[in-house]
Protein backbone atom coordinates (compact mmCIF):
# COMPACT_ATOMS: atom_id res chain seq x y z
CA UNK A 1 21.18 21.67 1.16
CA UNK A 2 22.79 21.59 4.57
CA UNK A 3 24.88 18.52 5.30
CA UNK A 4 27.75 18.12 7.78
CA UNK A 5 27.81 20.40 10.79
CA UNK A 6 29.93 20.72 13.91
CA UNK A 7 28.63 22.30 17.11
CA UNK A 8 31.03 23.34 19.87
CA UNK A 9 29.06 23.19 23.13
CA UNK A 10 29.88 25.78 25.77
CA UNK A 11 30.05 23.54 28.83
CA UNK A 12 32.33 20.51 28.69
CA UNK A 13 31.28 19.66 32.26
CA UNK A 14 27.53 19.67 31.52
CA UNK A 15 28.03 17.59 28.39
CA UNK A 16 30.09 15.00 30.24
CA UNK A 17 27.43 14.82 32.97
CA UNK A 18 24.76 14.37 30.29
CA UNK A 19 26.63 11.52 28.59
CA UNK A 20 27.20 9.69 31.86
CA UNK A 21 23.62 10.15 33.05
CA UNK A 22 22.04 8.89 29.80
CA UNK A 23 24.43 5.97 29.29
CA UNK A 24 25.08 4.11 26.04
CA UNK A 25 28.48 5.68 25.46
CA UNK A 26 32.07 4.60 25.05
CA UNK A 27 34.96 5.85 27.15
CA UNK A 28 38.68 5.60 26.54
CA UNK A 29 41.07 4.80 29.37
CA UNK A 30 44.82 4.78 29.01
CA UNK A 31 47.98 5.50 30.89
CA UNK A 32 50.02 8.47 29.72
CA UNK A 33 53.36 9.91 30.69
CA UNK A 34 54.29 9.88 34.36
CA UNK A 35 51.67 7.16 34.85
CA UNK A 36 48.87 9.72 34.50
CA UNK A 37 45.41 8.26 33.90
CA UNK A 38 43.45 9.52 30.89
CA UNK A 39 39.73 8.84 30.57
CA UNK A 40 38.95 10.83 27.41
CA UNK A 41 37.42 10.99 24.92
CA UNK A 42 33.87 9.98 25.80
CA UNK A 43 31.65 9.28 22.78
CA UNK A 44 27.92 8.88 22.44
CA UNK A 45 26.22 8.18 19.11
CA UNK A 46 22.60 8.80 18.19
CA UNK A 47 22.20 7.22 14.77
CA UNK A 48 25.08 8.78 12.80
CA UNK A 49 25.52 11.87 15.01
CA UNK A 50 28.44 11.74 17.43
CA UNK A 51 28.74 13.63 20.68
CA UNK A 52 32.39 13.71 21.72
CA UNK A 53 33.82 15.01 24.98
CA UNK A 54 37.51 15.56 25.61
CA UNK A 55 39.21 17.02 28.66
CA UNK A 56 38.98 20.49 27.12
CA UNK A 57 35.78 20.62 25.06
CA UNK A 58 32.65 18.93 23.75
CA UNK A 59 31.49 18.73 20.13
CA UNK A 60 28.47 17.31 18.30
CA UNK A 61 29.05 16.55 14.63
CA UNK A 62 28.19 14.66 11.46
CA UNK A 63 25.72 14.80 8.57
CA UNK A 64 22.29 16.29 9.32
CA UNK A 65 21.11 15.05 5.93
CA UNK A 66 22.06 11.43 6.72
CA UNK A 67 20.50 11.77 10.16
CA UNK A 68 17.17 12.63 8.54
CA UNK A 69 17.39 9.77 6.05
CA UNK A 70 18.30 7.21 8.71
CA UNK A 71 15.32 8.23 10.82
CA UNK A 72 12.98 8.16 7.84
CA UNK A 73 14.19 5.10 5.94
CA UNK A 74 16.19 3.14 8.52
CA UNK A 75 19.91 2.53 8.87
CA UNK A 76 20.24 0.17 5.92
CA UNK A 77 18.30 2.25 3.40
CA UNK A 78 18.91 5.74 4.77
CA UNK A 79 22.65 5.94 5.41
CA UNK A 80 23.30 8.29 2.49
CA UNK A 81 22.96 11.94 1.47
CA UNK A 82 22.46 11.86 -2.30
CA UNK A 83 18.72 12.58 -2.34
CA UNK A 84 16.92 15.91 -1.91
CA UNK A 85 16.95 17.52 1.54
CA UNK A 86 14.47 20.43 1.44
CA UNK A 87 13.85 22.99 4.15
CA UNK A 88 10.88 21.09 5.65
CA UNK A 89 12.97 17.93 6.03
CA UNK A 90 15.78 19.88 7.65
CA UNK A 91 13.37 21.33 10.24
CA UNK A 92 12.13 17.81 10.97
CA UNK A 93 15.69 16.60 11.44
CA UNK A 94 16.45 19.47 13.84
CA UNK A 95 13.35 18.58 15.86
CA UNK A 96 14.40 14.93 15.92
CA UNK A 97 17.93 15.91 16.87
CA UNK A 98 16.76 17.87 19.92
CA UNK A 99 14.55 14.93 20.87
CA UNK A 100 17.43 12.48 20.45
CA UNK A 101 19.64 14.55 22.75
CA UNK A 102 16.87 15.50 25.17
CA UNK A 103 18.33 16.95 28.35
CA UNK A 104 21.21 18.64 26.54
CA UNK A 105 20.77 22.20 25.28
CA UNK A 106 22.18 22.03 21.76
CA UNK A 107 21.79 25.78 21.36
CA UNK A 108 24.15 26.41 24.27
CA UNK A 109 27.15 26.59 21.97
CA UNK A 110 28.08 27.72 18.48
CA UNK A 111 28.48 26.28 15.00
CA UNK A 112 32.15 25.62 14.30
CA UNK A 113 31.52 24.61 10.70
CA UNK A 114 28.71 23.92 8.27
CA UNK A 115 28.50 22.40 4.79
CA UNK A 116 26.03 23.78 2.25
CA UNK A 117 25.85 22.34 -1.23
CA UNK A 118 24.04 20.66 -4.08
CA UNK A 119 23.91 17.29 -5.82
CA UNK A 120 23.87 18.03 -9.55
CA UNK A 121 22.76 15.60 -12.22
CA UNK A 122 25.27 16.10 -15.03
CA UNK A 123 25.57 14.83 -18.57
CA UNK A 124 29.10 13.42 -18.35
CA UNK A 125 30.76 11.42 -15.58
CA UNK A 126 31.80 13.86 -12.82
CA UNK A 127 35.43 12.87 -13.38
CA UNK A 128 35.29 14.78 -16.67
CA UNK A 129 34.37 18.09 -14.99
CA UNK A 130 36.84 17.61 -12.17
CA UNK A 131 39.76 16.88 -14.50
CA UNK A 132 38.94 19.51 -17.13
CA UNK A 133 36.91 22.30 -15.55
CA UNK A 134 37.39 22.69 -11.78
CA UNK A 135 41.08 23.55 -11.77
CA UNK A 136 41.70 26.55 -9.50
CA UNK A 137 39.92 28.42 -6.73
CA UNK A 138 41.06 31.98 -6.02
CA UNK A 139 44.02 31.10 -8.28
CA UNK A 140 45.06 28.26 -5.97
CA UNK A 141 45.31 24.54 -6.70
CA UNK A 142 43.27 22.08 -4.60
CA UNK A 143 44.79 21.09 -1.27
CA UNK A 144 43.38 17.59 -1.79
CA UNK A 145 43.22 16.02 -5.23
CA UNK A 146 42.43 12.33 -4.97
CA UNK A 147 41.62 10.10 -7.87
CA UNK A 148 40.96 6.38 -8.10
CA UNK A 149 39.50 4.20 -10.82
CA UNK A 150 36.09 4.66 -9.23
CA UNK A 151 36.10 8.18 -7.83
CA UNK A 152 37.75 11.59 -7.91
CA UNK A 153 37.63 14.23 -5.17
CA UNK A 154 38.97 17.78 -4.86
CA UNK A 155 39.10 20.15 -1.92
CA UNK A 156 40.00 23.82 -2.21
CA UNK A 157 40.72 26.10 0.75
CA UNK A 158 40.75 29.87 1.06
CA UNK A 159 40.62 31.78 4.33
CA UNK A 160 37.91 30.47 6.63
CA UNK A 161 36.07 28.54 3.95
CA UNK A 162 36.63 25.52 1.75
CA UNK A 163 35.05 23.87 -1.28
CA UNK A 164 34.56 20.16 -1.91
CA UNK A 165 33.81 18.88 -5.41
CA UNK A 166 33.49 15.16 -6.00
CA UNK A 167 31.69 12.26 -7.62
CA UNK A 168 28.70 11.54 -5.40
CA UNK A 169 27.37 8.89 -7.77
CA UNK A 170 30.58 6.86 -7.58
CA UNK A 171 30.64 7.24 -3.79
CA UNK A 172 27.35 5.36 -3.53
CA UNK A 173 27.41 3.27 -6.69
CA UNK A 174 24.60 5.21 -8.39
CA UNK A 175 23.71 4.78 -12.04
CA UNK A 176 23.26 8.53 -12.53
CA UNK A 177 26.10 11.00 -12.93
CA UNK A 178 25.88 13.03 -9.69
CA UNK A 179 28.39 15.82 -9.09
CA UNK A 180 28.51 17.12 -5.51
CA UNK A 181 29.55 20.73 -4.97
CA UNK A 182 29.58 22.12 -1.43
CA UNK A 183 30.99 25.05 0.45
CA UNK A 184 32.33 24.53 3.98
CA UNK A 185 31.94 27.61 6.15
CA UNK A 186 33.88 28.05 9.37
CA UNK A 187 32.63 29.91 12.43
CA UNK A 188 34.02 33.28 11.28
CA UNK A 189 32.17 33.09 7.96
CA UNK A 190 29.00 31.91 9.69
CA UNK A 191 29.09 34.77 12.18
CA UNK A 192 29.31 37.23 9.29
CA UNK A 193 25.96 35.83 8.14
CA UNK A 194 24.46 35.98 11.63
CA UNK A 195 24.35 32.17 11.83
CA UNK A 196 25.72 31.05 15.17
CA UNK A 197 23.54 28.28 16.61
CA UNK A 198 21.25 25.46 15.52
CA UNK A 199 18.30 27.77 16.16
CA UNK A 200 19.58 30.07 13.42
CA UNK A 201 19.30 27.25 10.87
CA UNK A 202 15.54 27.23 11.37
CA UNK A 203 15.29 30.60 9.65
CA UNK A 204 14.39 30.34 5.97
CA UNK A 205 16.03 33.73 5.43
CA UNK A 206 19.31 32.33 6.76
CA UNK A 207 19.19 29.53 4.19
CA UNK A 208 18.87 32.19 1.52
CA UNK A 209 21.93 33.89 3.02
CA UNK A 210 23.84 30.61 2.78
CA UNK A 211 22.78 30.26 -0.85
CA UNK A 212 23.90 33.83 -1.58
CA UNK A 213 27.27 33.16 0.07
CA UNK A 214 27.58 29.96 -1.97
CA UNK A 215 26.96 31.81 -5.24
CA UNK A 216 29.21 34.74 -4.33
CA UNK A 217 32.13 32.51 -3.39
CA UNK A 218 31.60 30.23 -6.40
CA UNK A 219 32.80 33.11 -8.58
CA UNK A 220 36.28 32.44 -7.21
CA UNK A 221 36.58 29.25 -9.28
CA UNK A 222 38.54 29.27 -12.49
CA UNK A 223 36.33 27.09 -14.69
CA UNK A 224 37.26 26.67 -18.34
CA UNK A 225 36.40 24.35 -21.19
CA UNK A 226 39.08 21.84 -22.05
CA UNK A 227 41.57 23.58 -24.33
CA UNK A 228 42.63 20.21 -25.71
CA UNK A 229 39.21 19.49 -27.27
CA UNK A 230 39.29 22.52 -29.56
CA UNK A 231 41.05 22.36 -32.91
CA UNK A 232 40.32 25.99 -33.81
CA UNK A 233 42.43 27.63 -31.07
CA UNK A 234 45.85 29.08 -31.96
CA UNK A 235 48.76 27.37 -30.25
CA UNK A 236 49.81 30.65 -28.63
CA UNK A 237 46.36 30.98 -27.05
CA UNK A 238 46.45 27.41 -25.74
CA UNK A 239 49.88 27.99 -24.21
CA UNK A 240 48.81 31.28 -22.62
CA UNK A 241 45.68 29.66 -21.18
CA UNK A 242 47.80 26.83 -19.82
CA UNK A 243 49.99 29.37 -18.02
CA UNK A 244 46.93 31.03 -16.51
CA UNK A 245 45.84 27.70 -15.08
CA UNK A 246 49.04 27.46 -13.04
CA UNK A 247 48.94 28.89 -9.47
CA UNK A 248 52.56 30.05 -9.91
CA UNK A 249 51.44 32.36 -12.75
CA UNK A 250 49.11 34.24 -10.42
CA UNK A 251 51.62 34.28 -7.58
CA UNK A 252 54.10 35.97 -9.92
CA UNK A 253 51.46 38.47 -11.06
CA UNK A 254 50.76 39.34 -7.43
CA UNK A 255 54.46 39.93 -6.75
CA UNK A 256 54.71 42.21 -9.77
CA UNK A 257 52.01 44.56 -8.52
């Protein structure tokens, strides 16, 4: 499922003119150094989507999945992204998006980033898998590893892509155990797939390409069963496995080559 996206629009000037002509926006105004006046950023929201204009650029961003739900179920019941979001619904949301920003060519720009992932119903609380199974990606530790009593979240980065793995059920207070796994592709990765604009997301074949990229990159995870729950493993094996779950182990191996 596609979720968060960020579109960099080509013309900052046209976007600013659009915001001012349609109204219903907020504008910052402050005095900077040398008493210079600053009037950016300008922000316009359509449901949860935010169009933001600075002095240098203009960007439209947020969750396409939530945008669909809000339009279908209303703000109170639809401000979430834990349900299914099939291809047909995504096309409807793209149509609604172009209608909501009528007068602004959303294809006159490129996708800076895109999230593609799945909500998985799992047997155990997601915290279990995050603490015991999702430990390294491409032999690197997560750049973000947050844990509270209610929720745990990990983010891994490698090159022009990232992975987010977290407890979606805890995020929204769901009774089910829902583990969210999503890949975040930057513009370089998207261009490799031939996905550059919103129009490209309408292609069913491109969704299959995103799925293939998801599965290919997923192989970079080091996912193991908890070595502490097995009584039949020799201590030497447990120690060796523990070493292999340390990023420094793989850094040393790389230096030795």
